[in-house]
Protein backbone atom coordinates (compact mmCIF):
# COMPACT_ATOMS: atom_id res chain seq x y z
CA UNK A 1 -13.56 -23.27 -5.92
CA UNK A 2 -11.61 -22.29 -2.80
CA UNK A 3 -13.50 -21.90 0.44
CA UNK A 4 -13.07 -18.76 2.52
CA UNK A 5 -11.45 -19.89 5.75
CA UNK A 6 -11.14 -16.58 7.60
CA UNK A 7 -11.88 -12.88 7.32
CA UNK A 8 -9.09 -10.32 6.88
CA UNK A 9 -9.18 -8.01 9.90
CA UNK A 10 -5.62 -6.71 9.52
CA UNK A 11 -6.77 -3.10 9.47
CA UNK A 12 -8.04 -3.64 13.01
CA UNK A 13 -5.61 -6.11 14.57
CA UNK A 14 -2.42 -5.89 12.45
CA UNK A 15 -2.48 -9.63 11.66
CA UNK A 16 -2.22 -10.00 7.89
CA UNK A 17 -3.55 -13.10 6.15
CA UNK A 18 -0.37 -13.33 4.08
CA UNK A 19 1.65 -13.74 7.26
CA UNK A 20 4.64 -11.86 5.85
CA UNK A 21 3.92 -8.20 6.67
CA UNK A 22 6.49 -7.02 9.19
CA UNK A 23 6.75 -3.77 11.13
CA UNK A 24 9.94 -2.99 9.17
CA UNK A 25 7.97 -3.22 5.91
CA UNK A 26 5.18 -0.99 7.27
CA UNK A 27 7.77 1.57 8.44
CA UNK A 28 9.37 1.51 4.98
CA UNK A 29 6.02 2.13 3.27
CA UNK A 30 5.15 4.90 5.73
CA UNK A 31 8.46 6.61 4.92
CA UNK A 32 7.71 6.44 1.21
CA UNK A 33 4.29 8.01 1.75
CA UNK A 34 5.32 10.70 4.24
CA UNK A 35 4.94 14.40 3.48
CA UNK A 36 8.72 14.83 3.59
CA UNK A 37 9.23 12.17 0.95
CA UNK A 38 6.63 13.80 -1.30
CA UNK A 39 8.36 17.17 -1.08
CA UNK A 40 11.61 15.73 -2.48
CA UNK A 41 10.15 14.51 -5.77
CA UNK A 42 10.90 15.91 -9.21
CA UNK A 43 8.15 17.67 -11.14
CA UNK A 44 8.15 14.83 -13.69
CA UNK A 45 7.19 12.41 -10.91
CA UNK A 46 4.05 14.44 -10.24
CA UNK A 47 2.80 14.51 -13.83
CA UNK A 48 -0.89 13.85 -14.34
CA UNK A 49 -1.68 10.70 -16.25
CA UNK A 50 -4.99 9.54 -17.65
CA UNK A 51 -6.25 6.02 -17.13
CA UNK A 52 -9.02 4.56 -19.24
CA UNK A 53 -11.13 1.46 -18.79
CA UNK A 54 -11.62 -0.53 -21.94
CA UNK A 55 -14.38 -2.67 -20.51
């Protein structure tokens, strides 16, 4: 079993344990999640779906 070597504090310090999260990537994700991006979606993209656990 793998030992935990450090604690992920990226939400506080911006240092991600994966080491590959760049500011460009974060800016890209922010653009995808912005209010302006949400307004430009088709109605089909906003359809409600149901998810079910089978456990």
